[in-house]
């Protein structure tokens, strides 16, 4: 029996709509998979490019920089971080002729001219040499400036703390008072900021005093009176722990990164693990000349659950570095 024309037409219309829906769904699926494939291919290409970018070798490691290098020699180095670490002793050697403030300003201007990506580690080195030359933590501290992210203050404390002969319990108990004295010893300037840099620099110095076994330094930080002091001290500990890794080639870093924060992970202390991963991200930013793609590629060598903390730290440091560089006059 034949169906009325209207019903037949209605059924054909419904089948036509169903076919259109199915065809559209298939097209969407094809487009989605094509886009995903293109994105994956693009990501793989980016990673391959990163593999080829700036491999460090030979003299372009800080510890292997030949003696007698001039500033011009250092600036001719291909790798951004190698230029900075090569320049550090060159600038520090000027302390016999000009003041620490003048030297730090020279380094700052190189950053402003984008001949180096950051001058913080140069200021660290100047601070260490300043303490060695003056043999007085107060005199050295007072000659530092806040330029280059307060690196000079950190360097003074790096050199000073290892000279202390008393036990950790004794000198850590006295350190808040000593840092207040150092902060107040200069009539002008931001005394609160100077105090903060003293406590942070203490963490750097502890690692140089007690070595790479950073759990000893971390335990020493916990002897400070409250979480504010402890956290600023721990920040210095982890920055100092991670600094040597910033001088490795990317191939070496890829091998080392998965285990860098393993002690903190095994301790079960989530706070210490996060601080270690934060410091790692920051160290990678400096190591790659503040290249976000290269730094993130290195963060991806960590266990998946730890990657985001590292990548966020990279982004934060890169953004800070851009603001610092733009502000230089």
Protein backbone atom coordinates (compact mmCIF):
# COMPACT_ATOMS: atom_id res chain seq x y z
CA UNK A 1 0.00 0.00 0.00
CA UNK A 2 1.44 3.40 -0.93
CA UNK A 3 1.80 6.15 1.66
CA UNK A 4 0.24 9.55 1.19
CA UNK A 5 2.58 12.05 -0.50
CA UNK A 6 2.81 14.26 2.60
CA UNK A 7 3.89 11.38 4.89
CA UNK A 8 6.37 10.09 2.31
CA UNK A 9 7.85 13.55 1.93
CA UNK A 10 8.05 13.94 5.75
CA UNK A 11 9.89 10.64 6.15
CA UNK A 12 12.30 11.50 3.35
CA UNK A 13 12.93 14.88 5.00
CA UNK A 14 13.69 13.22 8.33
CA UNK A 15 16.08 10.75 6.66
CA UNK A 16 17.71 13.68 4.84
CA UNK A 17 18.19 15.55 8.13
CA UNK A 18 19.66 12.47 9.81
CA UNK A 19 22.10 12.05 6.93
CA UNK A 20 23.07 15.72 7.16
CA UNK A 21 23.67 15.39 10.92
CA UNK A 22 25.79 12.27 10.45
CA UNK A 23 27.77 13.90 7.64
CA UNK A 24 28.35 17.01 9.72
CA UNK A 25 29.48 14.95 12.70
CA UNK A 26 31.93 13.06 10.55
CA UNK A 27 33.28 16.29 9.08
CA UNK A 28 33.72 17.76 12.57
CA UNK A 29 35.53 14.62 13.72
CA UNK A 30 37.84 14.74 10.68
CA UNK A 31 38.62 18.41 11.31
CA UNK A 32 39.24 17.78 15.00
CA UNK A 33 41.63 14.91 14.35
CA UNK A 34 43.38 16.89 11.62
CA UNK A 35 43.83 19.82 13.97
CA UNK A 36 45.08 17.58 16.75
CA UNK A 37 47.52 15.93 14.33
CA UNK A 38 48.76 19.33 13.13
CA UNK A 39 49.17 20.55 16.71
CA UNK A 40 51.08 17.43 17.67
CA UNK A 41 53.28 17.76 14.59
CA UNK A 42 53.91 21.41 15.36
CA UNK A 43 54.83 20.52 18.94
CA UNK A 44 57.19 17.80 17.73
CA UNK A 45 58.81 20.24 15.28
CA UNK A 46 59.24 22.76 18.08
CA UNK A 47 60.85 20.15 20.30
CA UNK A 48 63.18 19.13 17.47
CA UNK A 49 64.16 22.76 16.98
CA UNK A 50 64.78 23.08 20.71
CA UNK A 51 67.04 20.03 20.59
CA UNK A 52 69.18 21.84 18.00
CA UNK A 53 69.28 25.19 19.82
CA UNK A 54 72.42 26.33 21.60
CA UNK A 55 74.01 23.08 22.79
CA UNK A 56 76.72 24.03 25.27
CA UNK A 57 80.10 22.42 25.02
CA UNK A 58 83.76 22.96 25.83
CA UNK A 59 84.68 26.39 27.13
CA UNK A 60 81.05 27.51 27.22
CA UNK A 61 80.61 26.08 30.68
CA UNK A 62 81.24 28.50 33.50
CA UNK A 63 83.76 26.26 35.24
CA UNK A 64 85.70 25.80 32.00
CA UNK A 65 85.96 29.48 31.00
CA UNK A 66 89.69 30.12 30.39
CA UNK A 67 91.44 32.56 32.69
CA UNK A 68 92.35 35.99 31.39
CA UNK A 69 89.12 36.52 29.47
CA UNK A 70 88.21 40.12 28.72
CA UNK A 71 84.69 41.53 28.72
CA UNK A 72 84.82 41.49 24.91
CA UNK A 73 85.77 37.80 24.92
CA UNK A 74 82.86 37.02 27.22
CA UNK A 75 80.33 39.00 25.19
CA UNK A 76 81.42 37.10 22.07
CA UNK A 77 80.29 33.78 23.59
CA UNK A 78 77.29 32.29 21.84
CA UNK A 79 75.32 31.17 24.88
CA UNK A 80 73.56 33.87 26.93
CA UNK A 81 74.17 32.34 30.36
CA UNK A 82 77.80 31.59 29.52
CA UNK A 83 78.31 35.28 28.75
CA UNK A 84 77.01 36.22 32.20
CA UNK A 85 79.08 33.67 34.09
CA UNK A 86 82.20 34.56 32.11
CA UNK A 87 81.70 38.25 32.88
CA UNK A 88 81.23 37.69 36.63
CA UNK A 89 84.95 37.38 37.56
CA UNK A 90 85.87 40.01 34.95
CA UNK A 91 83.63 42.58 36.63
CA UNK A 92 84.64 41.53 40.15
CA UNK A 93 88.30 42.11 39.26
CA UNK A 94 87.50 45.82 38.88
CA UNK A 95 86.93 46.22 42.63
CA UNK A 96 90.51 47.42 43.04
CA UNK A 97 89.84 50.36 40.72
CA UNK A 98 86.18 51.39 41.15
CA UNK A 99 83.35 50.90 43.63
CA UNK A 100 80.98 47.96 43.74
CA UNK A 101 78.11 50.34 42.95
CA UNK A 102 79.82 51.48 39.74
CA UNK A 103 80.60 47.93 38.66
CA UNK A 104 77.04 46.75 39.28
CA UNK A 105 75.75 49.73 37.29
CA UNK A 106 77.99 48.72 34.36
CA UNK A 107 76.55 45.20 34.46
CA UNK A 108 73.02 46.59 34.70
CA UNK A 109 73.57 48.71 31.57
CA UNK A 110 74.73 45.62 29.64
CA UNK A 111 71.39 44.04 30.52
CA UNK A 112 69.55 47.18 29.43
CA UNK A 113 71.41 47.03 26.11
CA UNK A 114 70.44 43.33 25.89
CA UNK A 115 74.05 42.25 25.57
CA UNK A 116 73.36 39.94 28.54
CA UNK A 117 69.97 38.66 29.60
CA UNK A 118 70.41 39.36 33.35
CA UNK A 119 73.07 40.72 35.71
CA UNK A 120 71.99 39.01 38.95
CA UNK A 121 74.75 36.40 39.00
CA UNK A 122 77.38 39.02 38.21
CA UNK A 123 76.22 40.97 41.29
CA UNK A 124 76.44 37.76 43.37
CA UNK A 125 80.08 37.38 42.38
CA UNK A 126 80.83 41.01 43.13
CA UNK A 127 79.32 40.59 46.62
CA UNK A 128 81.47 37.54 47.35
CA UNK A 129 84.66 39.25 46.22
CA UNK A 130 83.67 42.39 48.11
CA UNK A 131 83.47 40.51 51.42
CA UNK A 132 86.79 38.78 50.73
CA UNK A 133 88.42 42.16 50.03
CA UNK A 134 86.92 44.08 52.95
CA UNK A 135 86.99 41.23 55.50
CA UNK A 136 83.98 42.90 57.11
CA UNK A 137 80.40 41.84 56.48
CA UNK A 138 79.12 45.28 57.53
CA UNK A 139 81.44 47.24 55.25
CA UNK A 140 80.74 44.91 52.32
CA UNK A 141 76.98 44.97 52.91
CA UNK A 142 76.99 48.79 52.95
CA UNK A 143 78.77 48.97 49.59
CA UNK A 144 76.11 46.85 47.85
CA UNK A 145 73.22 48.29 45.85
CA UNK A 146 69.79 46.85 45.10
CA UNK A 147 70.40 46.70 41.34
CA UNK A 148 70.56 43.30 39.61
CA UNK A 149 67.93 41.84 41.96
CA UNK A 150 69.96 42.47 45.14
CA UNK A 151 72.58 39.95 44.04
CA UNK A 152 75.43 41.79 45.76
CA UNK A 153 73.84 41.36 49.21
CA UNK A 154 73.35 37.65 48.54
CA UNK A 155 76.99 37.31 47.48
CA UNK A 156 78.25 38.98 50.66
CA UNK A 157 76.28 36.50 52.76
CA UNK A 158 77.45 33.60 50.59
CA UNK A 159 81.04 34.46 51.44
CA UNK A 160 80.41 35.40 55.07
CA UNK A 161 78.40 32.44 56.42
CA UNK A 162 81.07 29.78 55.68
CA UNK A 163 83.53 31.75 57.82
CA UNK A 164 81.40 31.33 60.97
CA UNK A 165 83.00 28.83 63.34
CA UNK A 166 80.21 28.36 65.88
CA UNK A 167 77.58 25.66 65.56
CA UNK A 168 74.40 26.19 63.55
CA UNK A 169 72.24 26.41 66.68
CA UNK A 170 74.28 29.32 67.96
CA UNK A 171 74.79 31.43 64.86
CA UNK A 172 71.25 30.83 63.52
CA UNK A 173 69.82 32.06 66.84
CA UNK A 174 71.89 35.23 66.49
CA UNK A 175 71.26 35.78 62.79
CA UNK A 176 67.99 37.81 62.95
CA UNK A 177 69.68 40.27 65.31
CA UNK A 178 72.79 40.42 63.12
CA UNK A 179 70.72 40.98 59.99
CA UNK A 180 68.85 43.80 61.73
CA UNK A 181 72.21 45.39 62.58
CA UNK A 182 73.38 45.05 58.97
CA UNK A 183 70.13 46.51 57.65
CA UNK A 184 70.29 49.43 60.07
CA UNK A 185 74.02 50.12 59.63
CA UNK A 186 73.33 52.38 56.65
CA UNK A 187 71.27 55.45 57.45
CA UNK A 188 69.74 55.75 54.00
CA UNK A 189 67.96 53.17 51.89
CA UNK A 190 65.28 50.55 52.35
CA UNK A 191 66.19 48.88 55.65
CA UNK A 192 63.36 46.33 55.41
CA UNK A 193 64.57 45.24 51.98
CA UNK A 194 68.16 45.00 53.20
CA UNK A 195 67.01 42.83 56.10
CA UNK A 196 65.08 40.56 53.74
CA UNK A 197 68.13 40.15 51.50
CA UNK A 198 70.28 39.30 54.51
CA UNK A 199 67.96 36.45 55.54
CA UNK A 200 67.68 35.21 51.96
CA UNK A 201 71.45 35.44 51.49
CA UNK A 202 71.86 33.41 54.66
CA UNK A 203 70.27 30.47 52.82
CA UNK A 204 72.79 30.81 49.99
CA UNK A 205 75.64 30.88 52.50
CA UNK A 206 74.42 27.80 54.36
CA UNK A 207 74.72 25.68 51.21
CA UNK A 208 78.28 26.88 50.67
CA UNK A 209 79.06 26.12 54.31
CA UNK A 210 77.46 22.67 54.51
CA UNK A 211 77.76 21.48 50.93
CA UNK A 212 75.37 19.89 48.48
CA UNK A 213 73.56 17.93 51.22
CA UNK A 214 70.89 20.64 51.35
CA UNK A 215 68.84 18.88 54.03
CA UNK A 216 71.41 20.18 56.56
CA UNK A 217 70.94 23.73 55.32
CA UNK A 218 67.15 23.33 55.27
CA UNK A 219 67.20 22.10 58.85
CA UNK A 220 69.29 25.13 59.81
CA UNK A 221 66.71 27.48 58.25
CA UNK A 222 64.01 25.89 60.39
CA UNK A 223 65.93 27.09 63.47
CA UNK A 224 64.88 30.66 62.60
CA UNK A 225 62.02 32.08 64.68
CA UNK A 226 59.02 31.97 62.33
CA UNK A 227 57.76 30.92 58.90
CA UNK A 228 58.65 34.28 57.29
CA UNK A 229 62.32 33.93 58.23
CA UNK A 230 62.36 30.23 57.46
CA UNK A 231 60.84 30.64 53.99
CA UNK A 232 63.21 33.44 52.97
CA UNK A 233 66.16 31.39 54.17
CA UNK A 234 64.90 28.27 52.37
CA UNK A 235 64.46 30.29 49.19
CA UNK A 236 68.18 31.05 49.29
CA UNK A 237 69.02 27.41 50.02
CA UNK A 238 67.17 26.11 46.97
CA UNK A 239 68.43 28.85 44.67
CA UNK A 240 71.99 27.97 45.66
CA UNK A 241 71.29 24.25 45.30
CA UNK A 242 69.97 24.72 41.75
CA UNK A 243 72.51 27.27 40.55
CA UNK A 244 75.20 24.73 39.49
CA UNK A 245 72.66 23.00 37.25
CA UNK A 246 72.16 26.23 35.30
CA UNK A 247 75.71 25.80 33.98
CA UNK A 248 75.15 22.38 32.40
CA UNK A 249 74.41 21.73 28.74
CA UNK A 250 70.85 20.86 27.85
CA UNK A 251 71.82 17.23 27.23
CA UNK A 252 73.31 17.04 30.72
CA UNK A 253 70.29 18.80 32.20
CA UNK A 254 67.87 16.34 30.63
CA UNK A 255 69.70 13.52 32.39
CA UNK A 256 69.87 15.31 35.75
CA UNK A 257 66.47 16.99 35.98
CA UNK A 258 64.32 13.96 36.92
CA UNK A 259 66.35 13.44 40.11
CA UNK A 260 67.21 17.02 41.11
CA UNK A 261 64.35 17.34 43.62
CA UNK A 262 64.15 13.63 44.50
CA UNK A 263 65.37 14.15 48.08
CA UNK A 264 62.56 16.63 48.73
CA UNK A 265 60.05 14.31 47.09
CA UNK A 266 61.18 11.37 49.21
CA UNK A 267 60.98 13.48 52.37
CA UNK A 268 57.22 13.75 51.87
CA UNK A 269 57.39 17.48 52.63
CA UNK A 270 55.26 19.07 49.93
CA UNK A 271 56.44 22.57 50.80
CA UNK A 272 60.11 21.69 50.32
CA UNK A 273 59.35 19.89 47.05
CA UNK A 274 57.46 22.91 45.71
CA UNK A 275 60.28 25.26 46.70
CA UNK A 276 62.80 23.00 44.97
CA UNK A 277 60.70 22.86 41.78
CA UNK A 278 60.22 26.65 41.88
CA UNK A 279 63.97 27.14 42.14
CA UNK A 280 64.51 24.65 39.32
CA UNK A 281 62.18 26.57 37.00
CA UNK A 282 63.98 29.80 37.84
CA UNK A 283 67.41 28.21 37.26
CA UNK A 284 66.26 26.88 33.89
CA UNK A 285 65.07 30.35 32.89
CA UNK A 286 68.55 31.75 33.58
CA UNK A 287 70.26 28.75 31.98
CA UNK A 288 68.41 29.17 28.67
CA UNK A 289 68.82 32.95 28.52
CA UNK A 290 65.16 33.30 29.54
CA UNK A 291 63.89 31.28 26.59
CA UNK A 292 60.42 30.07 27.56
CA UNK A 293 60.17 27.24 24.97
CA UNK A 294 63.57 25.82 25.87
CA UNK A 295 62.93 26.08 29.61
CA UNK A 296 59.51 24.42 29.33
CA UNK A 297 61.00 21.64 27.24
CA UNK A 298 63.41 20.96 30.10
CA UNK A 299 60.63 21.12 32.72
CA UNK A 300 58.92 18.33 30.79
CA UNK A 301 61.73 15.98 31.85
CA UNK A 302 60.19 15.97 35.33
CA UNK A 303 57.45 13.56 36.42
CA UNK A 304 54.12 14.81 35.01
CA UNK A 305 52.78 15.82 38.43
CA UNK A 306 55.77 18.17 38.95
CA UNK A 307 55.98 19.78 35.53
CA UNK A 308 53.43 22.56 36.05
CA UNK A 309 55.17 23.98 39.14
CA UNK A 310 58.43 24.17 37.17
CA UNK A 311 56.75 25.73 34.12
CA UNK A 312 54.91 28.31 36.22
CA UNK A 313 58.20 29.32 37.85
CA UNK A 314 59.78 29.72 34.41
CA UNK A 315 56.93 31.97 33.28
CA UNK A 316 57.09 34.07 36.45
CA UNK A 317 60.85 34.61 36.13
CA UNK A 318 60.62 35.41 32.42
CA UNK A 319 57.92 37.99 33.06
CA UNK A 320 59.95 39.52 35.90
CA UNK A 321 63.05 39.59 33.70
CA UNK A 322 61.18 41.44 30.96
CA UNK A 323 59.93 44.05 33.42
CA UNK A 324 63.39 44.46 34.96
CA UNK A 325 65.04 44.91 31.56
CA UNK A 326 62.43 47.39 30.33
CA UNK A 327 62.86 49.47 33.50
CA UNK A 328 66.62 49.98 33.01
CA UNK A 329 67.44 53.54 31.97
